[in-house]
C-alpha atoms as a PDB file:
ATOM      1  CA  UNK A   1       9.245 -23.713 -41.974  1.00  0.00           C
ATOM      2  CA  UNK A   2      12.493 -21.860 -42.783  1.00  0.00           C
ATOM      3  CA  UNK A   3      14.820 -21.286 -40.157  1.00  0.00           C
ATOM      4  CA  UNK A   4      14.359 -17.353 -40.439  1.00  0.00           C
ATOM      5  CA  UNK A   5      10.703 -17.754 -40.090  1.00  0.00           C
ATOM      6  CA  UNK A   6      11.291 -20.331 -37.207  1.00  0.00           C
ATOM      7  CA  UNK A   7      13.419 -17.474 -35.420  1.00  0.00           C
ATOM      8  CA  UNK A   8      10.700 -14.618 -36.028  1.00  0.00           C
ATOM      9  CA  UNK A   9       8.059 -16.852 -34.752  1.00  0.00           C
ATOM     10  CA  UNK A  10       9.726 -17.572 -31.491  1.00  0.00           C
ATOM     11  CA  UNK A  11      10.748 -13.799 -31.269  1.00  0.00           C
ATOM     12  CA  UNK A  12       7.105 -13.032 -31.553  1.00  0.00           C
ATOM     13  CA  UNK A  13       5.986 -15.729 -29.175  1.00  0.00           C
ATOM     14  CA  UNK A  14       8.673 -14.627 -26.653  1.00  0.00           C
ATOM     15  CA  UNK A  15       7.505 -10.924 -26.792  1.00  0.00           C
ATOM     16  CA  UNK A  16       3.750 -11.965 -26.270  1.00  0.00           C
ATOM     17  CA  UNK A  17       4.531 -13.961 -23.355  1.00  0.00           C
ATOM     18  CA  UNK A  18       6.763 -11.173 -21.696  1.00  0.00           C
ATOM     19  CA  UNK A  19       3.866  -8.709 -22.418  1.00  0.00           C
ATOM     20  CA  UNK A  20       1.488 -11.064 -20.897  1.00  0.00           C
ATOM     21  CA  UNK A  21       3.661 -11.179 -17.731  1.00  0.00           C
ATOM     22  CA  UNK A  22       4.011  -7.434 -17.459  1.00  0.00           C
ATOM     23  CA  UNK A  23       0.020  -7.232 -17.849  1.00  0.00           C
ATOM     24  CA  UNK A  24      -0.779  -9.676 -15.258  1.00  0.00           C
ATOM     25  CA  UNK A  25       2.036  -8.118 -12.848  1.00  0.00           C
ATOM     26  CA  UNK A  26       0.061  -7.035  -9.617  1.00  0.00           C
ATOM     27  CA  UNK A  27       0.914  -3.450  -8.603  1.00  0.00           C
ATOM     28  CA  UNK A  28       0.680  -2.770  -5.217  1.00  0.00           C
ATOM     29  CA  UNK A  29       0.779   0.545  -3.541  1.00  0.00           C
ATOM     30  CA  UNK A  30       2.206   1.258  -0.278  1.00  0.00           C
ATOM     31  CA  UNK A  31       0.978   4.117   2.043  1.00  0.00           C
ATOM     32  CA  UNK A  32       3.245   4.833   5.111  1.00  0.00           C
ATOM     33  CA  UNK A  33       1.206   6.810   7.696  1.00  0.00           C
ATOM     34  CA  UNK A  34       4.063   8.270   9.157  1.00  0.00           C
ATOM     35  CA  UNK A  35       6.094  11.177   7.151  1.00  0.00           C
ATOM     36  CA  UNK A  36       9.439  10.940   9.631  1.00  0.00           C
ATOM     37  CA  UNK A  37      12.263   9.945   8.088  1.00  0.00           C
ATOM     38  CA  UNK A  38      13.598   6.506   9.050  1.00  0.00           C
ATOM     39  CA  UNK A  39       9.949   5.689  10.430  1.00  0.00           C
ATOM     40  CA  UNK A  40       9.075   2.578  12.187  1.00  0.00           C
ATOM     41  CA  UNK A  41       6.005   2.559   9.898  1.00  0.00           C
ATOM     42  CA  UNK A  42       8.277   2.468   7.093  1.00  0.00           C
ATOM     43  CA  UNK A  43      10.237  -0.530   8.295  1.00  0.00           C
ATOM     44  CA  UNK A  44       7.180  -2.302   9.069  1.00  0.00           C
ATOM     45  CA  UNK A  45       6.043  -1.710   5.358  1.00  0.00           C
ATOM     46  CA  UNK A  46       9.297  -3.040   3.842  1.00  0.00           C
ATOM     47  CA  UNK A  47       8.791  -6.145   5.858  1.00  0.00           C
ATOM     48  CA  UNK A  48       5.292  -6.704   4.604  1.00  0.00           C
ATOM     49  CA  UNK A  49       6.422  -5.949   1.086  1.00  0.00           C
ATOM     50  CA  UNK A  50       9.441  -8.610   1.611  1.00  0.00           C
ATOM     51  CA  UNK A  51       6.603 -11.393   1.526  1.00  0.00           C
ATOM     52  CA  UNK A  52       4.853 -10.283  -1.783  1.00  0.00           C
ATOM     53  CA  UNK A  53       5.578 -12.390  -5.062  1.00  0.00           C
ATOM     54  CA  UNK A  54       9.079 -11.707  -6.775  1.00  0.00           C
ATOM     55  CA  UNK A  55       7.183 -10.191  -9.935  1.00  0.00           C
ATOM     56  CA  UNK A  56       5.153  -7.633  -7.714  1.00  0.00           C
ATOM     57  CA  UNK A  57       5.242  -4.107  -8.820  1.00  0.00           C
ATOM     58  CA  UNK A  58       5.743  -2.151  -5.748  1.00  0.00           C
ATOM     59  CA  UNK A  59       5.117   1.816  -5.405  1.00  0.00           C
ATOM     60  CA  UNK A  60       5.602   3.768  -2.298  1.00  0.00           C
ATOM     61  CA  UNK A  61       2.982   6.785  -2.670  1.00  0.00           C
ATOM     62  CA  UNK A  62       4.308   9.920  -0.980  1.00  0.00           C
ATOM     63  CA  UNK A  63       1.790  11.603   1.035  1.00  0.00           C
ATOM     64  CA  UNK A  64       3.958  14.093   2.773  1.00  0.00           C
ATOM     65  CA  UNK A  65       3.493  17.049   0.143  1.00  0.00           C
ATOM     66  CA  UNK A  66      -0.119  17.032  -0.657  1.00  0.00           C
ATOM     67  CA  UNK A  67      -1.741  20.488   0.355  1.00  0.00           C
ATOM     68  CA  UNK A  68      -4.461  19.957   2.982  1.00  0.00           C
ATOM     69  CA  UNK A  69      -7.836  19.042   1.207  1.00  0.00           C
ATOM     70  CA  UNK A  70      -9.917  22.018   0.373  1.00  0.00           C
ATOM     71  CA  UNK A  71     -13.341  21.420  -1.268  1.00  0.00           C
ATOM     72  CA  UNK A  72     -12.664  24.730  -3.054  1.00  0.00           C
ATOM     73  CA  UNK A  73      -9.974  22.879  -5.055  1.00  0.00           C
ATOM     74  CA  UNK A  74     -12.619  20.389  -6.531  1.00  0.00           C
ATOM     75  CA  UNK A  75     -12.970  22.696  -9.500  1.00  0.00           C
ATOM     76  CA  UNK A  76      -9.237  23.039 -10.030  1.00  0.00           C
ATOM     77  CA  UNK A  77      -7.078  20.907  -8.321  1.00  0.00           C
ATOM     78  CA  UNK A  78      -3.501  21.239  -7.481  1.00  0.00           C
ATOM     79  CA  UNK A  79      -0.899  19.154  -9.532  1.00  0.00           C
ATOM     80  CA  UNK A  80      -0.279  17.442  -6.404  1.00  0.00           C
ATOM     81  CA  UNK A  81      -3.628  16.346  -5.865  1.00  0.00           C
ATOM     82  CA  UNK A  82      -3.885  14.987  -9.721  1.00  0.00           C
ATOM     83  CA  UNK A  83      -0.540  13.210  -9.431  1.00  0.00           C
ATOM     84  CA  UNK A  84      -1.640  11.256  -6.128  1.00  0.00           C
ATOM     85  CA  UNK A  85      -4.873  10.449  -7.659  1.00  0.00           C
ATOM     86  CA  UNK A  86      -3.529   9.062 -10.593  1.00  0.00           C
ATOM     87  CA  UNK A  87      -1.078   7.264  -8.844  1.00  0.00           C
ATOM     88  CA  UNK A  88      -3.353   5.447  -6.529  1.00  0.00           C
ATOM     89  CA  UNK A  89      -5.876   4.716  -9.555  1.00  0.00           C
ATOM     90  CA  UNK A  90      -2.847   2.871 -11.288  1.00  0.00           C
ATOM     91  CA  UNK A  91      -2.610   0.311  -8.330  1.00  0.00           C
ATOM     92  CA  UNK A  92      -4.507  -2.828  -7.880  1.00  0.00           C
ATOM     93  CA  UNK A  93      -4.094  -3.065  -3.896  1.00  0.00           C
ATOM     94  CA  UNK A  94      -3.060  -1.025  -1.252  1.00  0.00           C
ATOM     95  CA  UNK A  95      -0.716  -1.805   1.754  1.00  0.00           C
ATOM     96  CA  UNK A  96      -1.366   0.880   4.624  1.00  0.00           C
ATOM     97  CA  UNK A  97       0.741   0.903   7.598  1.00  0.00           C
ATOM     98  CA  UNK A  98      -0.002   3.804  10.310  1.00  0.00           C
ATOM     99  CA  UNK A  99       1.454   4.844  13.737  1.00  0.00           C
ATOM    100  CA  UNK A 100      -1.091   6.201  16.224  1.00  0.00           C
ATOM    101  CA  UNK A 101      -1.361  10.077  16.965  1.00  0.00           C
ATOM    102  CA  UNK A 102      -3.957  10.966  19.870  1.00  0.00           C
ATOM    103  CA  UNK A 103      -5.799   7.864  19.487  1.00  0.00           C
ATOM    104  CA  UNK A 104      -5.963   8.033  15.927  1.00  0.00           C
ATOM    105  CA  UNK A 105      -4.306   8.273  12.360  1.00  0.00           C
ATOM    106  CA  UNK A 106      -1.742  10.912  11.595  1.00  0.00           C
ATOM    107  CA  UNK A 107      -3.277  13.979  10.050  1.00  0.00           C
ATOM    108  CA  UNK A 108      -1.084  13.152   6.787  1.00  0.00           C
ATOM    109  CA  UNK A 109      -2.607   9.855   6.331  1.00  0.00           C
ATOM    110  CA  UNK A 110      -6.413  11.254   6.844  1.00  0.00           C
ATOM    111  CA  UNK A 111      -5.818  13.900   4.524  1.00  0.00           C
ATOM    112  CA  UNK A 112      -4.344  11.419   1.783  1.00  0.00           C
ATOM    113  CA  UNK A 113      -7.672   9.511   2.019  1.00  0.00           C
ATOM    114  CA  UNK A 114      -9.678  12.643   1.679  1.00  0.00           C
ATOM    115  CA  UNK A 115      -7.658  13.957  -1.544  1.00  0.00           C
ATOM    116  CA  UNK A 116      -7.952  10.684  -3.390  1.00  0.00           C
ATOM    117  CA  UNK A 117     -11.542  10.367  -2.394  1.00  0.00           C
ATOM    118  CA  UNK A 118     -12.645  13.566  -3.929  1.00  0.00           C
ATOM    119  CA  UNK A 119     -14.341  15.309  -5.747  1.00  0.00           C
ATOM    120  CA  UNK A 120     -17.523  13.431  -4.409  1.00  0.00           C
ATOM    121  CA  UNK A 121     -18.229  10.526  -6.599  1.00  0.00           C
ATOM    122  CA  UNK A 122     -14.851  10.483  -8.200  1.00  0.00           C
ATOM    123  CA  UNK A 123     -13.023   8.269  -5.348  1.00  0.00           C
ATOM    124  CA  UNK A 124     -10.132   6.303  -6.689  1.00  0.00           C
ATOM    125  CA  UNK A 125      -9.990   4.102  -3.954  1.00  0.00           C
ATOM    126  CA  UNK A 126     -13.418   2.011  -4.083  1.00  0.00           C
ATOM    127  CA  UNK A 127     -12.745  -1.578  -5.027  1.00  0.00           C
ATOM    128  CA  UNK A 128      -8.840  -2.084  -4.206  1.00  0.00           C
ATOM    129  CA  UNK A 129      -8.120  -4.828  -1.719  1.00  0.00           C
ATOM    130  CA  UNK A 130      -6.381  -3.261   1.027  1.00  0.00           C
ATOM    131  CA  UNK A 131      -4.056  -4.338   4.098  1.00  0.00           C
ATOM    132  CA  UNK A 132      -3.761  -2.319   7.270  1.00  0.00           C
ATOM    133  CA  UNK A 133      -1.166  -2.718   9.901  1.00  0.00           C
ATOM    134  CA  UNK A 134      -0.420  -0.245  12.829  1.00  0.00           C
ATOM    135  CA  UNK A 135       2.677  -0.058  14.958  1.00  0.00           C
ATOM    136  CA  UNK A 136       3.850   1.606  18.084  1.00  0.00           C
ATOM    137  CA  UNK A 137       6.736   1.803  20.376  1.00  0.00           C
ATOM    138  CA  UNK A 138       4.323   1.168  23.220  1.00  0.00           C
ATOM    139  CA  UNK A 139       2.420  -2.061  23.865  1.00  0.00           C
ATOM    140  CA  UNK A 140      -0.617  -0.669  22.497  1.00  0.00           C
ATOM    141  CA  UNK A 141       0.656  -0.931  19.112  1.00  0.00           C
ATOM    142  CA  UNK A 142      -1.532   1.506  17.590  1.00  0.00           C
ATOM    143  CA  UNK A 143      -4.588  -0.660  17.657  1.00  0.00           C
ATOM    144  CA  UNK A 144      -7.002   2.383  17.852  1.00  0.00           C
ATOM    145  CA  UNK A 145      -5.311   3.827  14.779  1.00  0.00           C
ATOM    146  CA  UNK A 146      -5.622   0.770  13.114  1.00  0.00           C
ATOM    147  CA  UNK A 147      -9.546   0.544  13.551  1.00  0.00           C
ATOM    148  CA  UNK A 148     -10.024   4.186  12.625  1.00  0.00           C
ATOM    149  CA  UNK A 149      -8.482   3.639   9.507  1.00  0.00           C
ATOM    150  CA  UNK A 150     -10.420   0.468   8.937  1.00  0.00           C
ATOM    151  CA  UNK A 151     -13.486   2.395   9.348  1.00  0.00           C
ATOM    152  CA  UNK A 152     -12.801   5.013   6.758  1.00  0.00           C
ATOM    153  CA  UNK A 153     -11.836   2.119   4.670  1.00  0.00           C
ATOM    154  CA  UNK A 154     -15.019   0.587   4.906  1.00  0.00           C
ATOM    155  CA  UNK A 155     -16.854   3.921   3.960  1.00  0.00           C
ATOM    156  CA  UNK A 156     -14.423   4.198   0.747  1.00  0.00           C
ATOM    157  CA  UNK A 157     -15.490   0.459  -0.300  1.00  0.00           C
ATOM    158  CA  UNK A 158     -12.154  -0.973  -0.018  1.00  0.00           C
ATOM    159  CA  UNK A 159     -12.278  -4.955   0.901  1.00  0.00           C
ATOM    160  CA  UNK A 160      -9.719  -5.091   3.581  1.00  0.00           C
ATOM    161  CA  UNK A 161      -7.854  -8.343   4.848  1.00  0.00           C
ATOM    162  CA  UNK A 162      -9.287  -9.396   7.980  1.00  0.00           C
ATOM    163  CA  UNK A 163      -6.331 -11.852   8.969  1.00  0.00           C
ATOM    164  CA  UNK A 164      -3.836 -11.662  10.365  1.00  0.00           C
ATOM    165  CA  UNK A 165      -4.261  -8.711  12.322  1.00  0.00           C
ATOM    166  CA  UNK A 166      -1.162  -6.561  12.265  1.00  0.00           C
ATOM    167  CA  UNK A 167      -0.582  -4.747  15.446  1.00  0.00           C
ATOM    168  CA  UNK A 168       3.196  -4.284  16.008  1.00  0.00           C
ATOM    169  CA  UNK A 169       4.038  -3.216  19.315  1.00  0.00           C
ATOM    170  CA  UNK A 170       7.487  -2.290  20.622  1.00  0.00           C
ATOM    171  CA  UNK A 171       8.754  -1.481  17.787  1.00  0.00           C
ATOM    172  CA  UNK A 172      11.820   0.553  18.945  1.00  0.00           C
ATOM    173  CA  UNK A 173      12.784  -2.528  20.337  1.00  0.00           C
ATOM    174  CA  UNK A 174      12.545  -4.487  17.105  1.00  0.00           C
ATOM    175  CA  UNK A 175      14.302  -2.344  14.936  1.00  0.00           C
ATOM    176  CA  UNK A 176      17.452  -0.647  14.397  1.00  0.00           C
ATOM    177  CA  UNK A 177      18.279   3.068  14.236  1.00  0.00           C
ATOM    178  CA  UNK A 178      17.317   3.406  10.527  1.00  0.00           C
ATOM    179  CA  UNK A 179      13.581   1.942  11.362  1.00  0.00           C
ATOM    180  CA  UNK A 180      14.642  -1.559   9.757  1.00  0.00           C
ATOM    181  CA  UNK A 181      12.965  -4.362  11.429  1.00  0.00           C
ATOM    182  CA  UNK A 182      15.636  -6.801  12.777  1.00  0.00           C
ATOM    183  CA  UNK A 183      13.684  -8.924  15.015  1.00  0.00           C
ATOM    184  CA  UNK A 184      13.505 -12.434  12.913  1.00  0.00           C
ATOM    185  CA  UNK A 185      10.300 -13.468  14.279  1.00  0.00           C
ATOM    186  CA  UNK A 186       8.540 -10.276  13.249  1.00  0.00           C
ATOM    187  CA  UNK A 187      10.225 -10.270   9.916  1.00  0.00           C
ATOM    188  CA  UNK A 188       8.743 -13.490   9.497  1.00  0.00           C
ATOM    189  CA  UNK A 189       5.275 -12.555  10.718  1.00  0.00           C
ATOM    190  CA  UNK A 190       4.874  -9.601   8.515  1.00  0.00           C
ATOM    191  CA  UNK A 191       6.494 -11.090   5.441  1.00  0.00           C
ATOM    192  CA  UNK A 192       4.102 -14.025   5.745  1.00  0.00           C
ATOM    193  CA  UNK A 193       1.084 -11.300   6.004  1.00  0.00           C
ATOM    194  CA  UNK A 194       2.597  -9.856   2.770  1.00  0.00           C
ATOM    195  CA  UNK A 195       2.122 -13.380   0.954  1.00  0.00           C
ATOM    196  CA  UNK A 196      -1.448 -14.005   2.490  1.00  0.00           C
ATOM    197  CA  UNK A 197      -2.374 -10.368   1.117  1.00  0.00           C
ATOM    198  CA  UNK A 198      -1.121 -11.273  -2.430  1.00  0.00           C
ATOM    199  CA  UNK A 199      -3.697 -14.143  -2.539  1.00  0.00           C
ATOM    200  CA  UNK A 200      -6.432 -12.059  -0.611  1.00  0.00           C
ATOM    201  CA  UNK A 201      -5.922  -9.385  -3.478  1.00  0.00           C
ATOM    202  CA  UNK A 202      -5.981 -11.767  -6.168  1.00  0.00           C
ATOM    203  CA  UNK A 203      -9.563 -12.502  -5.111  1.00  0.00           C
ATOM    204  CA  UNK A 204     -10.483  -8.840  -5.859  1.00  0.00           C
ATOM    205  CA  UNK A 205      -8.083  -8.189  -8.963  1.00  0.00           C
ATOM    206  CA  UNK A 206      -9.832  -8.622 -12.675  1.00  0.00           C
END
């Protein structure tokens, strides 16, 4: 084999390997239930993401601007609906982090679940592995919102990691003024959960 032929061969092999890596890269969508700037939920999500594999492709899915779900839109959906549904469909796995509002999940998060589950029979959630975390500035740690969300994910046919359970309380004392988790023990715990989720999700990703 001539040198030029060898060089071309090596370049082709390298390109193939690179494409394989890109194709196999796991895509994680992150949905933060709080739409508040510098929210503690976003800080918890960031700490979980820190534990994902280095080659993970992470996308934070914005739920703040979704119009309130209305079945009348099923025939002709707003552009925001279509963009969000496509974004969810493109993910391999989903990480949810929620605060607790009135012993349930925030309205914006429930709306996002509804938008991407409709029209009926066209849900883009089904089969995607999920991780659920909740947080609160109180010691209750959003436990009720956590289980309300899990119940919805059961109906949406999303296999959800059971352990460890991520109930993070007193987040104002674990975070800085920008909502970033600064407590080292909490950082380590959440990063460890992120790593475990990557292993859990791999069982369901084809």
